[in-house]
N, C-alpha and C. Protein backbone atom coordinates (compact mmCIF):
# COMPACT_ATOMS: atom_id res chain seq x y z
N MET A 1 49.52 134.06 190.07
CA MET A 1 49.08 134.48 188.74
C MET A 1 48.83 133.23 187.89
N GLN A 2 47.82 133.29 187.11
CA GLN A 2 47.51 132.23 186.17
C GLN A 2 47.79 132.74 184.76
N TYR A 3 48.83 132.21 184.14
CA TYR A 3 49.20 132.72 182.81
C TYR A 3 48.09 132.55 181.79
N ARG A 4 47.20 131.61 181.99
CA ARG A 4 46.11 131.38 181.04
C ARG A 4 45.17 132.59 180.91
N GLU A 5 45.18 133.46 181.91
CA GLU A 5 44.39 134.69 181.83
C GLU A 5 44.94 135.64 180.78
N TYR A 6 46.24 135.51 180.48
CA TYR A 6 46.91 136.49 179.63
C TYR A 6 47.49 135.91 178.34
N ILE A 7 47.68 134.60 178.28
CA ILE A 7 48.33 133.97 177.12
C ILE A 7 47.31 133.08 176.40
N SER A 8 47.30 133.18 175.08
CA SER A 8 46.42 132.32 174.29
C SER A 8 47.17 131.78 173.08
N ILE A 9 46.66 130.68 172.56
CA ILE A 9 47.21 130.08 171.35
C ILE A 9 46.06 129.96 170.36
N ASN A 10 46.21 130.64 169.24
CA ASN A 10 45.20 130.64 168.19
C ASN A 10 45.92 130.36 166.88
N PRO A 11 45.57 129.27 166.20
CA PRO A 11 46.26 128.92 164.97
C PRO A 11 46.21 130.00 163.90
N GLN A 12 45.28 130.95 164.02
CA GLN A 12 45.15 132.00 163.01
C GLN A 12 45.93 133.27 163.37
N ILE A 13 46.58 133.27 164.53
CA ILE A 13 47.37 134.42 164.95
C ILE A 13 48.81 133.97 165.15
N ARG A 14 49.70 134.58 164.39
CA ARG A 14 51.15 134.32 164.48
C ARG A 14 51.46 132.82 164.39
N PHE A 15 50.74 132.14 163.48
CA PHE A 15 50.97 130.73 163.20
C PHE A 15 50.81 129.83 164.42
N GLY A 16 49.94 130.23 165.35
CA GLY A 16 49.65 129.41 166.51
C GLY A 16 50.67 129.52 167.63
N LYS A 17 51.55 130.49 167.56
CA LYS A 17 52.50 130.69 168.65
C LYS A 17 51.75 131.30 169.84
N PRO A 18 52.20 131.00 171.06
CA PRO A 18 51.54 131.60 172.22
C PRO A 18 51.72 133.11 172.22
N CYS A 19 50.61 133.83 172.34
CA CYS A 19 50.60 135.30 172.29
C CYS A 19 49.90 135.87 173.51
N ILE A 20 50.22 137.11 173.79
CA ILE A 20 49.48 137.83 174.81
C ILE A 20 48.10 138.12 174.24
N LYS A 21 47.08 137.74 174.98
CA LYS A 21 45.70 137.90 174.51
C LYS A 21 45.44 139.33 174.05
N GLY A 22 44.74 139.44 172.93
CA GLY A 22 44.36 140.73 172.40
C GLY A 22 45.47 141.44 171.64
N THR A 23 46.62 140.76 171.48
CA THR A 23 47.74 141.33 170.75
C THR A 23 48.30 140.28 169.79
N ARG A 24 49.25 140.69 169.01
CA ARG A 24 50.01 139.76 168.17
C ARG A 24 51.44 139.60 168.71
N ILE A 25 51.63 139.99 169.96
CA ILE A 25 52.93 139.90 170.62
C ILE A 25 53.07 138.51 171.21
N THR A 26 54.11 137.80 170.77
CA THR A 26 54.30 136.43 171.24
C THR A 26 55.08 136.40 172.55
N VAL A 27 54.96 135.27 173.22
CA VAL A 27 55.77 135.02 174.41
C VAL A 27 57.25 135.12 174.02
N TYR A 28 57.59 134.57 172.87
CA TYR A 28 58.97 134.62 172.38
C TYR A 28 59.44 136.07 172.23
N ASP A 29 58.59 136.94 171.71
CA ASP A 29 58.96 138.36 171.58
C ASP A 29 59.36 138.93 172.93
N VAL A 30 58.52 138.70 173.92
CA VAL A 30 58.77 139.25 175.26
C VAL A 30 60.07 138.68 175.83
N LEU A 31 60.25 137.37 175.71
CA LEU A 31 61.46 136.75 176.24
C LEU A 31 62.70 137.28 175.52
N SER A 32 62.60 137.51 174.23
CA SER A 32 63.72 138.06 173.47
C SER A 32 64.09 139.45 173.96
N TRP A 33 63.09 140.26 174.21
CA TRP A 33 63.35 141.62 174.71
C TRP A 33 64.04 141.58 176.07
N LEU A 34 63.55 140.69 176.94
CA LEU A 34 64.16 140.57 178.26
C LEU A 34 65.60 140.05 178.13
N ALA A 35 65.82 139.08 177.24
CA ALA A 35 67.16 138.54 177.02
C ALA A 35 68.10 139.58 176.43
N ASP A 36 67.56 140.52 175.69
CA ASP A 36 68.36 141.61 175.12
C ASP A 36 68.56 142.74 176.13
N ASP A 37 68.25 142.46 177.40
CA ASP A 37 68.49 143.37 178.51
C ASP A 37 67.52 144.54 178.59
N MET A 38 66.35 144.40 177.96
CA MET A 38 65.31 145.40 178.17
C MET A 38 64.68 145.14 179.53
N SER A 39 64.41 146.19 180.26
CA SER A 39 63.71 146.03 181.53
C SER A 39 62.21 145.96 181.25
N ILE A 40 61.49 145.51 182.23
CA ILE A 40 60.03 145.48 182.11
C ILE A 40 59.52 146.89 181.85
N GLU A 41 60.09 147.86 182.54
CA GLU A 41 59.67 149.25 182.36
C GLU A 41 59.90 149.73 180.93
N GLU A 42 61.04 149.34 180.34
CA GLU A 42 61.32 149.72 178.95
C GLU A 42 60.32 149.08 177.98
N ILE A 43 59.99 147.83 178.22
CA ILE A 43 59.02 147.15 177.37
C ILE A 43 57.67 147.85 177.47
N LEU A 44 57.27 148.18 178.70
CA LEU A 44 55.99 148.86 178.89
C LEU A 44 55.99 150.24 178.23
N HIS A 45 57.12 150.89 178.23
CA HIS A 45 57.22 152.20 177.57
C HIS A 45 57.09 152.05 176.06
N ASP A 46 57.79 151.05 175.49
CA ASP A 46 57.77 150.83 174.05
C ASP A 46 56.45 150.24 173.55
N PHE A 47 55.77 149.51 174.41
CA PHE A 47 54.51 148.85 174.05
C PHE A 47 53.46 149.19 175.11
N PRO A 48 52.92 150.41 175.05
CA PRO A 48 52.01 150.86 176.11
C PRO A 48 50.72 150.05 176.22
N GLN A 49 50.42 149.24 175.21
CA GLN A 49 49.23 148.39 175.30
C GLN A 49 49.43 147.22 176.26
N LEU A 50 50.68 146.96 176.65
CA LEU A 50 50.97 145.86 177.56
C LEU A 50 50.91 146.31 179.01
N LYS A 51 50.70 145.32 179.87
CA LYS A 51 50.72 145.54 181.32
C LYS A 51 51.78 144.62 181.93
N LYS A 52 52.27 145.01 183.07
CA LYS A 52 53.30 144.22 183.75
C LYS A 52 52.85 142.78 183.96
N GLU A 53 51.59 142.60 184.31
CA GLU A 53 51.06 141.25 184.55
C GLU A 53 51.18 140.37 183.31
N GLN A 54 51.03 140.95 182.14
CA GLN A 54 51.14 140.18 180.90
C GLN A 54 52.58 139.74 180.67
N ILE A 55 53.52 140.60 180.97
CA ILE A 55 54.93 140.24 180.81
C ILE A 55 55.29 139.12 181.79
N LEU A 56 54.84 139.26 183.02
CA LEU A 56 55.10 138.22 184.01
C LEU A 56 54.42 136.91 183.64
N ALA A 57 53.26 136.99 183.00
CA ALA A 57 52.56 135.79 182.55
C ALA A 57 53.39 135.05 181.50
N CYS A 58 54.12 135.78 180.67
CA CYS A 58 55.00 135.13 179.68
C CYS A 58 56.06 134.30 180.39
N LEU A 59 56.64 134.85 181.45
CA LEU A 59 57.64 134.11 182.21
C LEU A 59 57.03 132.89 182.88
N GLU A 60 55.83 133.06 183.42
CA GLU A 60 55.15 131.94 184.06
C GLU A 60 54.83 130.84 183.04
N TYR A 61 54.42 131.24 181.84
CA TYR A 61 54.10 130.28 180.80
C TYR A 61 55.33 129.42 180.47
N VAL A 62 56.47 130.07 180.29
CA VAL A 62 57.69 129.33 179.95
C VAL A 62 58.13 128.44 181.11
N ALA A 63 58.00 128.92 182.33
CA ALA A 63 58.35 128.10 183.49
C ALA A 63 57.47 126.86 183.55
N HIS A 64 56.19 127.04 183.26
CA HIS A 64 55.25 125.90 183.26
C HIS A 64 55.64 124.89 182.18
N LYS A 65 55.98 125.37 180.99
CA LYS A 65 56.38 124.47 179.89
C LYS A 65 57.67 123.73 180.24
N GLU A 66 58.61 124.41 180.86
CA GLU A 66 59.86 123.78 181.28
C GLU A 66 59.60 122.68 182.30
N LYS A 67 58.71 122.94 183.23
CA LYS A 67 58.36 121.95 184.24
C LYS A 67 57.73 120.72 183.59
N GLN A 68 56.88 120.95 182.58
CA GLN A 68 56.27 119.82 181.87
C GLN A 68 57.32 118.97 181.18
N LEU A 69 58.34 119.60 180.60
CA LEU A 69 59.41 118.85 179.94
C LEU A 69 60.19 117.99 180.94
N GLN A 70 60.38 118.50 182.12
CA GLN A 70 61.13 117.76 183.15
C GLN A 70 60.38 116.52 183.59
N HIS A 71 59.06 116.56 183.52
CA HIS A 71 58.24 115.44 183.98
C HIS A 71 57.83 114.51 182.84
N ALA A 72 58.29 114.79 181.65
CA ALA A 72 57.92 113.97 180.49
C ALA A 72 58.84 112.77 180.36
C-alpha cells in the first residue's frame, strides 16, 4: 500500500496536518481512536465515509515518518 494515495497535507485543511484525502479527518484522529481501543470495524461504523485502506494508510504514514526520524 502506498499511503500517499490516501493521505494528503494541505495548509488550508486542519492547519496543514496530514489528513485522509477528501475528509477533514487527520492521521492523529485515527491513531487516537486506535489508541483508545477502538477497532477498525468500530471506526468504520462511526465514520462510514472511511475505508479500511485509509485507516491502514494512516498507520503506514506514521511508520514511514518514524523510519525517517531513525535515519536523520
